[in-house]
Amino acid sequence: MPLHPDLEAFLELANADAGSRPRMSAMTPAQARAAYDAATEVLDIPGAPVPAIDLTLPARDGTLLRARLYRGAEALAPVLLYFHGGGYVLGGLDSHDSLCRDLARHGGCAVLAVDYRRAPEHRFPTAFHDAGDALAWLRTHGAAQGLDPLRVAVGGDSVGGTLAAALCLAERDAGRAQPCLQLLLYPCTAAWQDSDSHRRLAQGHLLEADTLQWMFAQYLGSDAERQDWRFAPLLAASLAGLAPACVVLAEFDPLLDEGRAYAARLAEAGVPVDLRVYAGMVHDFARLGGVTTEADRLRRELGQVLARAFGTPLAVAA
């Protein structure tokens, strides 16, 4: 299928304008963050008006991590622990606020979004450790916030999906209970970006090859770290015993092949997998509510996935 007409028009304008602005890979991290946040205000639309409060969670080194709790359900609510994308360098609570609000609304659940520390100020494996510390806090202290510690899902988009996938591996290896779902939106799973989809879609489809490598260079210190399963879950020796997975991919995303490969390995290991490839879509389309209505459709469908995983009634569409 060709690019969705909405995205084709958007990318045509974006690519035509590319020569008049510096490439992200030529920016400083601070400049790139500012550009990313400014783009979010244009490309996305406000999410559902669910109640939300800001929290702080302790990391293992004593740092307090910012987090935001969205309440799409009352009483003892099931909760999605969510990690934002942005290549370990960009993004935060505000860039993914709309997405998290809609997931809470349509899933009839709570969403706890975590502002893990970013590179290059905090390099590998800091983001992974922060993700693990957030899950530990949720299981220990979530009930005091009206969250059900027995109905926890983990999820994220892009490298946030990587963190969620790696977190399931770490919990299994530690002998702890698995979440009831891992919600992986176009996750980064491979050590090397050399698949056919990376070659075919290296330029002109929102996520640029040089941008991706620039981001990873900010986070990683060596090839050995690149081949660590905490960065590349596809390299884990076994994927057996992990939580059921919903893997969402986009047809015109360079990460398509590695996402398919991860879903296939999960299935081969006996993990229930719901693989969804959205035709005509590009990387990060879940946050393109101002560009395509497919973002809203995705959010509603993921709400249904969450409700089923939590065993709760489906939320009534607004």
C-alpha atoms as a PDB file:
ATOM      1  CA  MET A   1       0.000   0.000   0.000  1.00  0.00           C
ATOM      2  CA  PRO A   2       1.275   3.554  -0.682  1.00  0.00           C
ATOM      3  CA  LEU A   3       1.755   6.160   2.002  1.00  0.00           C
ATOM      4  CA  HIS A   4      -1.491   7.345   3.525  1.00  0.00           C
ATOM      5  CA  PRO A   5      -2.573  10.516   1.647  1.00  0.00           C
ATOM      6  CA  ASP A   6      -2.393  12.610   4.828  1.00  0.00           C
ATOM      7  CA  LEU A   7       1.176  11.529   5.477  1.00  0.00           C
ATOM      8  CA  GLU A   8       2.205  11.803   1.834  1.00  0.00           C
ATOM      9  CA  ALA A   9       1.174  15.464   1.789  1.00  0.00           C
ATOM     10  CA  PHE A  10       2.805  16.115   5.163  1.00  0.00           C
ATOM     11  CA  LEU A  11       6.102  14.480   4.179  1.00  0.00           C
ATOM     12  CA  GLU A  12       6.155  16.271   0.843  1.00  0.00           C
ATOM     13  CA  LEU A  13       6.022  19.603   2.665  1.00  0.00           C
ATOM     14  CA  ALA A  14       8.490  18.528   5.331  1.00  0.00           C
ATOM     15  CA  ASN A  15      11.017  17.178   2.854  1.00  0.00           C
ATOM     16  CA  ALA A  16      10.724  20.238   0.626  1.00  0.00           C
ATOM     17  CA  ASP A  17      11.516  22.435   3.640  1.00  0.00           C
ATOM     18  CA  ALA A  18      14.399  20.233   4.837  1.00  0.00           C
ATOM     19  CA  GLY A  19      17.065  22.225   3.008  1.00  0.00           C
ATOM     20  CA  SER A  20      16.186  25.421   4.859  1.00  0.00           C
ATOM     21  CA  ARG A  21      16.874  24.075   8.351  1.00  0.00           C
ATOM     22  CA  PRO A  22      19.711  22.107   9.935  1.00  0.00           C
ATOM     23  CA  ARG A  23      19.395  18.348  10.140  1.00  0.00           C
ATOM     24  CA  MET A  24      18.785  17.048  13.639  1.00  0.00           C
ATOM     25  CA  SER A  25      22.043  15.100  13.474  1.00  0.00           C
ATOM     26  CA  ALA A  26      23.875  18.453  13.156  1.00  0.00           C
ATOM     27  CA  MET A  27      22.183  19.956  16.213  1.00  0.00           C
ATOM     28  CA  THR A  28      23.231  19.939  19.828  1.00  0.00           C
ATOM     29  CA  PRO A  29      21.000  17.847  22.107  1.00  0.00           C
ATOM     30  CA  ALA A  30      19.489  21.042  23.526  1.00  0.00           C
ATOM     31  CA  GLN A  31      18.668  22.333  20.037  1.00  0.00           C
ATOM     32  CA  ALA A  32      17.224  18.987  19.000  1.00  0.00           C
ATOM     33  CA  ARG A  33      15.026  18.841  22.116  1.00  0.00           C
ATOM     34  CA  ALA A  34      13.690  22.312  21.455  1.00  0.00           C
ATOM     35  CA  ALA A  35      12.915  21.426  17.827  1.00  0.00           C
ATOM     36  CA  TYR A  36      11.220  18.171  18.851  1.00  0.00           C
ATOM     37  CA  ASP A  37       9.053  19.866  21.467  1.00  0.00           C
ATOM     38  CA  ALA A  38       8.110  22.674  19.082  1.00  0.00           C
ATOM     39  CA  ALA A  39       7.129  20.115  16.433  1.00  0.00           C
ATOM     40  CA  THR A  40       4.933  18.277  18.928  1.00  0.00           C
ATOM     41  CA  GLU A  41       2.800  21.387  19.425  1.00  0.00           C
ATOM     42  CA  VAL A  42       2.158  21.525  15.672  1.00  0.00           C
ATOM     43  CA  LEU A  43       1.820  17.837  14.815  1.00  0.00           C
ATOM     44  CA  ASP A  44      -0.315  16.563  17.692  1.00  0.00           C
ATOM     45  CA  ILE A  45      -3.594  17.672  19.253  1.00  0.00           C
ATOM     46  CA  PRO A  46      -4.668  17.763  22.915  1.00  0.00           C
ATOM     47  CA  GLY A  47      -5.629  14.460  24.462  1.00  0.00           C
ATOM     48  CA  ALA A  48      -8.633  13.519  26.569  1.00  0.00           C
ATOM     49  CA  PRO A  49      -9.314  15.730  29.623  1.00  0.00           C
ATOM     50  CA  VAL A  50      -8.601  13.025  32.192  1.00  0.00           C
ATOM     51  CA  PRO A  51      -7.343  13.982  35.676  1.00  0.00           C
ATOM     52  CA  ALA A  52      -3.549  14.083  35.910  1.00  0.00           C
ATOM     53  CA  ILE A  53      -1.040  14.799  38.651  1.00  0.00           C
ATOM     54  CA  ASP A  54       2.752  15.127  38.614  1.00  0.00           C
ATOM     55  CA  LEU A  55       4.803  12.888  40.905  1.00  0.00           C
ATOM     56  CA  THR A  56       8.421  12.108  41.690  1.00  0.00           C
ATOM     57  CA  LEU A  57       9.805   8.579  41.921  1.00  0.00           C
ATOM     58  CA  PRO A  58      13.143   7.678  43.523  1.00  0.00           C
ATOM     59  CA  ALA A  59      15.875   6.168  41.349  1.00  0.00           C
ATOM     60  CA  ARG A  60      18.452   3.795  42.823  1.00  0.00           C
ATOM     61  CA  ASP A  61      21.066   6.546  43.097  1.00  0.00           C
ATOM     62  CA  GLY A  62      18.725   8.863  45.003  1.00  0.00           C
ATOM     63  CA  THR A  63      17.719  11.007  42.026  1.00  0.00           C
ATOM     64  CA  LEU A  64      14.043  11.907  41.910  1.00  0.00           C
ATOM     65  CA  LEU A  65      12.498  11.097  38.528  1.00  0.00           C
ATOM     66  CA  ARG A  66       9.578  13.134  37.271  1.00  0.00           C
ATOM     67  CA  ALA A  67       6.428  11.210  36.403  1.00  0.00           C
ATOM     68  CA  ARG A  68       2.822  11.981  35.512  1.00  0.00           C
ATOM     69  CA  LEU A  69      -0.161   9.912  36.576  1.00  0.00           C
ATOM     70  CA  TYR A  70      -3.266   9.989  34.379  1.00  0.00           C
ATOM     71  CA  ARG A  71      -6.495   8.600  35.792  1.00  0.00           C
ATOM     72  CA  GLY A  72      -8.886   7.103  33.279  1.00  0.00           C
ATOM     73  CA  ALA A  73     -10.527   4.965  35.986  1.00  0.00           C
ATOM     74  CA  GLU A  74     -11.635   5.406  39.555  1.00  0.00           C
ATOM     75  CA  ALA A  75     -10.927   3.278  42.651  1.00  0.00           C
ATOM     76  CA  LEU A  76      -8.172   0.644  42.458  1.00  0.00           C
ATOM     77  CA  ALA A  77      -7.210   1.133  38.806  1.00  0.00           C
ATOM     78  CA  PRO A  78      -5.134  -1.051  36.512  1.00  0.00           C
ATOM     79  CA  VAL A  79      -2.135   0.890  35.250  1.00  0.00           C
ATOM     80  CA  LEU A  80       0.048   1.166  32.167  1.00  0.00           C
ATOM     81  CA  LEU A  81       3.642   2.133  33.014  1.00  0.00           C
ATOM     82  CA  TYR A  82       4.634   4.154  29.949  1.00  0.00           C
ATOM     83  CA  PHE A  83       8.051   5.158  28.578  1.00  0.00           C
ATOM     84  CA  HIS A  84       8.253   7.829  25.888  1.00  0.00           C
ATOM     85  CA  GLY A  85      10.234   7.658  22.666  1.00  0.00           C
ATOM     86  CA  GLY A  86      12.837  10.126  21.447  1.00  0.00           C
ATOM     87  CA  GLY A  87      15.973   8.066  20.879  1.00  0.00           C
ATOM     88  CA  TYR A  88      17.078   8.329  24.543  1.00  0.00           C
ATOM     89  CA  VAL A  89      17.820  12.025  23.872  1.00  0.00           C
ATOM     90  CA  LEU A  90      14.491  13.721  23.147  1.00  0.00           C
ATOM     91  CA  GLY A  91      10.978  13.687  24.505  1.00  0.00           C
ATOM     92  CA  GLY A  92       9.444  13.819  27.950  1.00  0.00           C
ATOM     93  CA  LEU A  93       6.171  14.085  29.806  1.00  0.00           C
ATOM     94  CA  ASP A  94       4.814  16.944  27.697  1.00  0.00           C
ATOM     95  CA  SER A  95       5.713  15.504  24.282  1.00  0.00           C
ATOM     96  CA  HIS A  96       3.654  12.385  25.006  1.00  0.00           C
ATOM     97  CA  ASP A  97       0.946  13.972  27.133  1.00  0.00           C
ATOM     98  CA  SER A  98      -1.776  13.701  24.478  1.00  0.00           C
ATOM     99  CA  LEU A  99      -1.020  10.041  23.758  1.00  0.00           C
ATOM    100  CA  CYS A 100      -0.993   9.085  27.440  1.00  0.00           C
ATOM    101  CA  ARG A 101      -4.245  10.924  28.111  1.00  0.00           C
ATOM    102  CA  ASP A 102      -6.004   9.070  25.318  1.00  0.00           C
ATOM    103  CA  LEU A 103      -4.608   5.693  26.356  1.00  0.00           C
ATOM    104  CA  ALA A 104      -5.949   6.285  29.871  1.00  0.00           C
ATOM    105  CA  ARG A 105      -9.350   7.386  28.540  1.00  0.00           C
ATOM    106  CA  HIS A 106      -9.829   4.641  25.966  1.00  0.00           C
ATOM    107  CA  GLY A 107      -8.276   1.925  28.122  1.00  0.00           C
ATOM    108  CA  GLY A 108     -10.328   2.787  31.192  1.00  0.00           C
ATOM    109  CA  CYS A 109      -7.121   2.634  33.209  1.00  0.00           C
ATOM    110  CA  ALA A 110      -4.425   4.743  34.772  1.00  0.00           C
ATOM    111  CA  VAL A 111      -1.238   5.609  32.888  1.00  0.00           C
ATOM    112  CA  LEU A 112       1.978   6.370  34.749  1.00  0.00           C
ATOM    113  CA  ALA A 113       4.368   8.151  32.366  1.00  0.00           C
ATOM    114  CA  VAL A 114       8.004   8.230  33.463  1.00  0.00           C
ATOM    115  CA  ASP A 115      10.518  10.955  32.599  1.00  0.00           C
ATOM    116  CA  TYR A 116      13.600   8.730  32.645  1.00  0.00           C
ATOM    117  CA  ARG A 117      16.954  10.479  32.374  1.00  0.00           C
ATOM    118  CA  ARG A 118      18.189  11.240  28.880  1.00  0.00           C
ATOM    119  CA  ALA A 119      21.483  11.111  27.020  1.00  0.00           C
ATOM    120  CA  PRO A 120      24.109  12.398  26.594  1.00  0.00           C
ATOM    121  CA  GLU A 121      23.945  13.660  30.176  1.00  0.00           C
ATOM    122  CA  HIS A 122      22.985  10.144  31.271  1.00  0.00           C
ATOM    123  CA  ARG A 123      24.296   7.341  29.090  1.00  0.00           C
ATOM    124  CA  PHE A 124      23.566   3.622  28.860  1.00  0.00           C
ATOM    125  CA  PRO A 125      22.179   1.925  30.923  1.00  0.00           C
ATOM    126  CA  THR A 126      20.709   4.818  32.941  1.00  0.00           C
ATOM    127  CA  ALA A 127      17.369   4.886  31.097  1.00  0.00           C
ATOM    128  CA  PHE A 128      16.991   1.133  31.601  1.00  0.00           C
ATOM    129  CA  HIS A 129      17.758   1.425  35.318  1.00  0.00           C
ATOM    130  CA  ASP A 130      15.267   4.281  35.676  1.00  0.00           C
ATOM    131  CA  ALA A 131      12.609   2.132  34.002  1.00  0.00           C
ATOM    132  CA  GLY A 132      13.256  -0.702  36.436  1.00  0.00           C
ATOM    133  CA  ASP A 133      13.165   1.649  39.416  1.00  0.00           C
ATOM    134  CA  ALA A 134       9.827   3.050  38.243  1.00  0.00           C
ATOM    135  CA  LEU A 135       8.321  -0.431  38.046  1.00  0.00           C
ATOM    136  CA  ALA A 136       9.664  -1.295  41.508  1.00  0.00           C
ATOM    137  CA  TRP A 137       8.118   1.895  42.916  1.00  0.00           C
ATOM    138  CA  LEU A 138       4.796   1.138  41.243  1.00  0.00           C
ATOM    139  CA  ARG A 139       4.624  -2.353  42.701  1.00  0.00           C
ATOM    140  CA  THR A 140       5.558  -1.154  46.183  1.00  0.00           C
ATOM    141  CA  HIS A 141       3.760   2.182  46.418  1.00  0.00           C
ATOM    142  CA  GLY A 142       1.147   2.141  43.666  1.00  0.00           C
ATOM    143  CA  ALA A 143      -1.700   1.075  45.927  1.00  0.00           C
ATOM    144  CA  ALA A 144      -1.273   4.271  47.934  1.00  0.00           C
ATOM    145  CA  GLN A 145      -2.006   6.152  44.691  1.00  0.00           C
ATOM    146  CA  GLY A 146      -5.113   4.071  43.972  1.00  0.00           C
ATOM    147  CA  LEU A 147      -3.307   1.773  41.513  1.00  0.00           C
ATOM    148  CA  ASP A 148      -3.726  -1.984  41.353  1.00  0.00           C
ATOM    149  CA  PRO A 149      -0.238  -3.560  41.702  1.00  0.00           C
ATOM    150  CA  LEU A 150      -1.605  -6.856  40.345  1.00  0.00           C
ATOM    151  CA  ARG A 151      -2.809  -5.330  37.069  1.00  0.00           C
ATOM    152  CA  VAL A 152       0.245  -3.628  35.598  1.00  0.00           C
ATOM    153  CA  ALA A 153       1.160  -3.341  31.920  1.00  0.00           C
ATOM    154  CA  VAL A 154       4.358  -1.836  30.542  1.00  0.00           C
ATOM    155  CA  GLY A 155       4.646  -0.015  27.260  1.00  0.00           C
ATOM    156  CA  GLY A 156       6.263   2.662  25.198  1.00  0.00           C
ATOM    157  CA  ASP A 157       6.967   3.942  21.712  1.00  0.00           C
ATOM    158  CA  SER A 158      10.263   3.636  19.828  1.00  0.00           C
ATOM    159  CA  VAL A 159      13.042   3.436  22.458  1.00  0.00           C
ATOM    160  CA  GLY A 160      10.296   3.581  25.076  1.00  0.00           C
ATOM    161  CA  GLY A 161       9.128   0.285  23.605  1.00  0.00           C
ATOM    162  CA  THR A 162      12.694  -0.959  23.874  1.00  0.00           C
ATOM    163  CA  LEU A 163      12.718  -0.107  27.579  1.00  0.00           C
ATOM    164  CA  ALA A 164       9.404  -1.898  28.124  1.00  0.00           C
ATOM    165  CA  ALA A 165      10.611  -5.008  26.288  1.00  0.00           C
ATOM    166  CA  ALA A 166      13.936  -5.072  28.149  1.00  0.00           C
ATOM    167  CA  LEU A 167      12.135  -4.548  31.445  1.00  0.00           C
ATOM    168  CA  CYS A 168      10.111  -7.726  30.865  1.00  0.00           C
ATOM    169  CA  LEU A 169      13.348  -9.629  30.230  1.00  0.00           C
ATOM    170  CA  ALA A 170      14.905  -8.265  33.416  1.00  0.00           C
ATOM    171  CA  GLU A 171      11.845  -9.099  35.518  1.00  0.00           C
ATOM    172  CA  ARG A 172      11.829 -12.656  34.194  1.00  0.00           C
ATOM    173  CA  ASP A 173      15.527 -13.121  34.897  1.00  0.00           C
ATOM    174  CA  ALA A 174      15.027 -11.797  38.444  1.00  0.00           C
ATOM    175  CA  GLY A 175      12.226 -14.287  39.061  1.00  0.00           C
ATOM    176  CA  ARG A 176       9.583 -11.598  39.458  1.00  0.00           C
ATOM    177  CA  ALA A 177       6.058 -11.676  38.064  1.00  0.00           C
ATOM    178  CA  GLN A 178       5.544 -10.526  34.504  1.00  0.00           C
ATOM    179  CA  PRO A 179       3.296  -7.588  33.670  1.00  0.00           C
ATOM    180  CA  CYS A 180      -0.051  -8.567  32.194  1.00  0.00           C
ATOM    181  CA  LEU A 181       0.919  -6.979  28.855  1.00  0.00           C
ATOM    182  CA  GLN A 182       3.865  -5.415  27.043  1.00  0.00           C
ATOM    183  CA  LEU A 183       2.605  -2.729  24.651  1.00  0.00           C
ATOM    184  CA  LEU A 184       5.379  -2.081  22.133  1.00  0.00           C
ATOM    185  CA  LEU A 185       4.871   0.710  19.599  1.00  0.00           C
ATOM    186  CA  TYR A 186       7.444   0.449  16.801  1.00  0.00           C
ATOM    187  CA  PRO A 187      10.224  -0.556  19.226  1.00  0.00           C
ATOM    188  CA  CYS A 188      13.948  -0.453  18.511  1.00  0.00           C
ATOM    189  CA  THR A 189      15.083  -4.050  19.042  1.00  0.00           C
ATOM    190  CA  ALA A 190      18.198  -4.627  16.918  1.00  0.00           C
ATOM    191  CA  ALA A 191      21.839  -3.798  17.602  1.00  0.00           C
ATOM    192  CA  TRP A 192      22.535  -2.749  14.020  1.00  0.00           C
ATOM    193  CA  GLN A 193      20.232  -0.887  11.673  1.00  0.00           C
ATOM    194  CA  ASP A 194      21.055  -2.863   8.531  1.00  0.00           C
ATOM    195  CA  SER A 195      17.749  -4.521   7.594  1.00  0.00           C
ATOM    196  CA  ASP A 196      15.975  -4.094   4.269  1.00  0.00           C
ATOM    197  CA  SER A 197      13.482  -1.619   5.747  1.00  0.00           C
ATOM    198  CA  HIS A 198      16.341   0.488   7.130  1.00  0.00           C
ATOM    199  CA  ARG A 199      17.916   0.607   3.674  1.00  0.00           C
ATOM    200  CA  ARG A 200      14.666   1.306   1.796  1.00  0.00           C
ATOM    201  CA  LEU A 201      13.357   3.943   4.194  1.00  0.00           C
ATOM    202  CA  ALA A 202      16.588   5.622   5.269  1.00  0.00           C
ATOM    203  CA  GLN A 203      15.441   9.064   4.155  1.00  0.00           C
ATOM    204  CA  GLY A 204      12.228  10.947   3.583  1.00  0.00           C
ATOM    205  CA  HIS A 205       9.946   8.999   5.935  1.00  0.00           C
ATOM    206  CA  LEU A 206      10.167  11.120   9.114  1.00  0.00           C
ATOM    207  CA  LEU A 207      12.733   8.982  10.970  1.00  0.00           C
ATOM    208  CA  GLU A 208      16.030   9.571   9.188  1.00  0.00           C
ATOM    209  CA  ALA A 209      18.911   7.091   9.325  1.00  0.00           C
ATOM    210  CA  ASP A 210      21.481   9.707  10.330  1.00  0.00           C
ATOM    211  CA  THR A 211      19.184  11.011  13.081  1.00  0.00           C
ATOM    212  CA  LEU A 212      18.768   7.528  14.534  1.00  0.00           C
ATOM    213  CA  GLN A 213      22.524   6.911  14.604  1.00  0.00           C
ATOM    214  CA  TRP A 214      23.136  10.361  16.104  1.00  0.00           C
ATOM    215  CA  MET A 215      20.715   9.521  18.909  1.00  0.00           C
ATOM    216  CA  PHE A 216      22.282   6.151  19.605  1.00  0.00           C
ATOM    217  CA  ALA A 217      25.747   7.748  19.638  1.00  0.00           C
ATOM    218  CA  GLN A 218      24.577  10.053  22.429  1.00  0.00           C
ATOM    219  CA  TYR A 219      23.445   7.071  24.530  1.00  0.00           C
ATOM    220  CA  LEU A 220      25.992   4.346  23.833  1.00  0.00           C
ATOM    221  CA  GLY A 221      29.670   4.280  24.684  1.00  0.00           C
ATOM    222  CA  SER A 222      30.798   1.192  22.761  1.00  0.00           C
ATOM    223  CA  ASP A 223      29.840  -1.585  20.364  1.00  0.00           C
ATOM    224  CA  ALA A 224      29.658  -3.918  23.355  1.00  0.00           C
ATOM    225  CA  GLU A 225      26.855  -1.777  24.793  1.00  0.00           C
ATOM    226  CA  ARG A 226      25.138  -1.775  21.402  1.00  0.00           C
ATOM    227  CA  GLN A 227      25.018  -5.580  21.565  1.00  0.00           C
ATOM    228  CA  ASP A 228      23.630  -5.671  25.111  1.00  0.00           C
ATOM    229  CA  TRP A 229      20.031  -6.983  25.246  1.00  0.00           C
ATOM    230  CA  ARG A 230      19.077  -3.986  27.402  1.00  0.00           C
ATOM    231  CA  PHE A 231      19.632  -1.913  24.265  1.00  0.00           C
ATOM    232  CA  ALA A 232      18.821  -4.591  21.669  1.00  0.00           C
ATOM    233  CA  PRO A 233      16.250  -7.051  23.072  1.00  0.00           C
ATOM    234  CA  LEU A 234      16.389  -9.023  19.832  1.00  0.00           C
ATOM    235  CA  LEU A 235      19.800 -10.294  20.985  1.00  0.00           C
ATOM    236  CA  ALA A 236      18.469 -11.811  24.228  1.00  0.00           C
ATOM    237  CA  ALA A 237      19.333 -15.516  24.433  1.00  0.00           C
ATOM    238  CA  SER A 238      15.697 -16.446  25.094  1.00  0.00           C
ATOM    239  CA  LEU A 239      12.355 -14.656  24.951  1.00  0.00           C
ATOM    240  CA  ALA A 240      10.466 -17.448  26.701  1.00  0.00           C
ATOM    241  CA  GLY A 241       8.323 -16.708  29.725  1.00  0.00           C
ATOM    242  CA  LEU A 242       7.599 -13.069  28.880  1.00  0.00           C
ATOM    243  CA  ALA A 243       4.336 -11.168  29.150  1.00  0.00           C
ATOM    244  CA  PRO A 244       1.866 -11.273  26.254  1.00  0.00           C
ATOM    245  CA  ALA A 245       2.795  -8.634  23.708  1.00  0.00           C
ATOM    246  CA  CYS A 246       0.971  -6.227  21.445  1.00  0.00           C
ATOM    247  CA  VAL A 247       3.484  -5.083  18.834  1.00  0.00           C
ATOM    248  CA  VAL A 248       2.426  -2.097  16.732  1.00  0.00           C
ATOM    249  CA  LEU A 249       4.428  -1.325  13.590  1.00  0.00           C
ATOM    250  CA  ALA A 250       4.166   1.121  10.701  1.00  0.00           C
ATOM    251  CA  GLU A 251       4.539   0.072   7.059  1.00  0.00           C
ATOM    252  CA  PHE A 252       6.867   2.963   6.165  1.00  0.00           C
ATOM    253  CA  ASP A 253       9.031   2.868   9.292  1.00  0.00           C
ATOM    254  CA  PRO A 254      12.724   1.916   9.033  1.00  0.00           C
ATOM    255  CA  LEU A 255      12.164  -0.109  12.225  1.00  0.00           C
ATOM    256  CA  LEU A 256       9.564  -2.331  10.521  1.00  0.00           C
ATOM    257  CA  ASP A 257      11.795  -5.355   9.927  1.00  0.00           C
ATOM    258  CA  GLU A 258      13.311  -5.501  13.386  1.00  0.00           C
ATOM    259  CA  GLY A 259       9.856  -5.123  14.897  1.00  0.00           C
ATOM    260  CA  ARG A 260       8.606  -8.025  12.830  1.00  0.00           C
ATOM    261  CA  ALA A 261      11.658 -10.060  13.822  1.00  0.00           C
ATOM    262  CA  TYR A 262      11.049  -9.409  17.519  1.00  0.00           C
ATOM    263  CA  ALA A 263       7.377 -10.364  17.242  1.00  0.00           C
ATOM    264  CA  ALA A 264       8.368 -13.567  15.414  1.00  0.00           C
ATOM    265  CA  ARG A 265      10.897 -14.505  18.104  1.00  0.00           C
ATOM    266  CA  LEU A 266       8.329 -13.868  20.827  1.00  0.00           C
ATOM    267  CA  ALA A 267       5.857 -16.151  19.072  1.00  0.00           C
ATOM    268  CA  GLU A 268       8.496 -18.853  18.525  1.00  0.00           C
ATOM    269  CA  ALA A 269       9.216 -18.725  22.271  1.00  0.00           C
ATOM    270  CA  GLY A 270       5.561 -19.365  23.066  1.00  0.00           C
ATOM    271  CA  VAL A 271       4.656 -15.782  24.016  1.00  0.00           C
ATOM    272  CA  PRO A 272       1.164 -14.683  22.872  1.00  0.00           C
ATOM    273  CA  VAL A 273       1.701 -11.929  20.298  1.00  0.00           C
ATOM    274  CA  ASP A 274      -0.771  -9.504  18.738  1.00  0.00           C
ATOM    275  CA  LEU A 275       1.174  -8.073  15.785  1.00  0.00           C
ATOM    276  CA  ARG A 276      -0.382  -5.066  14.074  1.00  0.00           C
ATOM    277  CA  VAL A 277       1.199  -3.436  11.027  1.00  0.00           C
ATOM    278  CA  TYR A 278      -0.542  -0.188  10.111  1.00  0.00           C
ATOM    279  CA  ALA A 279      -0.605   0.304   6.367  1.00  0.00           C
ATOM    280  CA  GLY A 280       0.561   3.618   4.951  1.00  0.00           C
ATOM    281  CA  MET A 281       1.912   4.838   8.311  1.00  0.00           C
ATOM    282  CA  VAL A 282       5.341   6.128   9.365  1.00  0.00           C
ATOM    283  CA  HIS A 283       7.353   6.023  12.581  1.00  0.00           C
ATOM    284  CA  ASP A 284       5.825   7.998  15.460  1.00  0.00           C
ATOM    285  CA  PHE A 285       2.375   8.142  13.849  1.00  0.00           C
ATOM    286  CA  ALA A 286       0.747   7.637  17.253  1.00  0.00           C
ATOM    287  CA  ARG A 287       1.732  11.264  17.994  1.00  0.00           C
ATOM    288  CA  LEU A 288       0.602  12.733  14.673  1.00  0.00           C
ATOM    289  CA  GLY A 289      -2.956  13.522  15.699  1.00  0.00           C
ATOM    290  CA  GLY A 290      -2.789  16.872  13.930  1.00  0.00           C
ATOM    291  CA  VAL A 291      -1.733  15.214  10.674  1.00  0.00           C
ATOM    292  CA  THR A 292      -3.813  12.054  10.342  1.00  0.00           C
ATOM    293  CA  THR A 293      -6.945  10.617  11.911  1.00  0.00           C
ATOM    294  CA  GLU A 294      -5.152   7.259  11.981  1.00  0.00           C
ATOM    295  CA  ALA A 295      -3.492   8.417  15.210  1.00  0.00           C
ATOM    296  CA  ASP A 296      -6.884   8.643  16.900  1.00  0.00           C
ATOM    297  CA  ARG A 297      -7.902   5.253  15.493  1.00  0.00           C
ATOM    298  CA  LEU A 298      -4.721   3.710  16.851  1.00  0.00           C
ATOM    299  CA  ARG A 299      -5.247   5.200  20.317  1.00  0.00           C
ATOM    300  CA  ARG A 300      -8.807   3.872  20.475  1.00  0.00           C
ATOM    301  CA  GLU A 301      -7.704   0.412  19.355  1.00  0.00           C
ATOM    302  CA  LEU A 302      -4.889   0.343  21.899  1.00  0.00           C
ATOM    303  CA  GLY A 303      -7.423   1.302  24.563  1.00  0.00           C
ATOM    304  CA  GLN A 304      -9.336  -1.865  23.656  1.00  0.00           C
ATOM    305  CA  VAL A 305      -6.126  -3.899  23.871  1.00  0.00           C
ATOM    306  CA  LEU A 306      -5.422  -2.527  27.344  1.00  0.00           C
ATOM    307  CA  ALA A 307      -8.970  -3.069  28.574  1.00  0.00           C
ATOM    308  CA  ARG A 308      -8.863  -6.695  27.482  1.00  0.00           C
ATOM    309  CA  ALA A 309      -5.474  -7.240  29.106  1.00  0.00           C
ATOM    310  CA  PHE A 310      -6.723  -5.743  32.366  1.00  0.00           C
ATOM    311  CA  GLY A 311     -10.045  -7.574  32.227  1.00  0.00           C
ATOM    312  CA  THR A 312     -12.018  -4.333  32.462  1.00  0.00           C
ATOM    313  CA  PRO A 313     -15.099  -3.188  30.513  1.00  0.00           C
ATOM    314  CA  LEU A 314     -14.282  -1.282  27.357  1.00  0.00           C
ATOM    315  CA  ALA A 315     -14.439   2.469  27.785  1.00  0.00           C
ATOM    316  CA  VAL A 316     -17.316   4.185  25.973  1.00  0.00           C
ATOM    317  CA  ALA A 317     -15.928   6.225  23.088  1.00  0.00           C
ATOM    318  CA  ALA A 318     -16.319   9.960  23.588  1.00  0.00           C
END
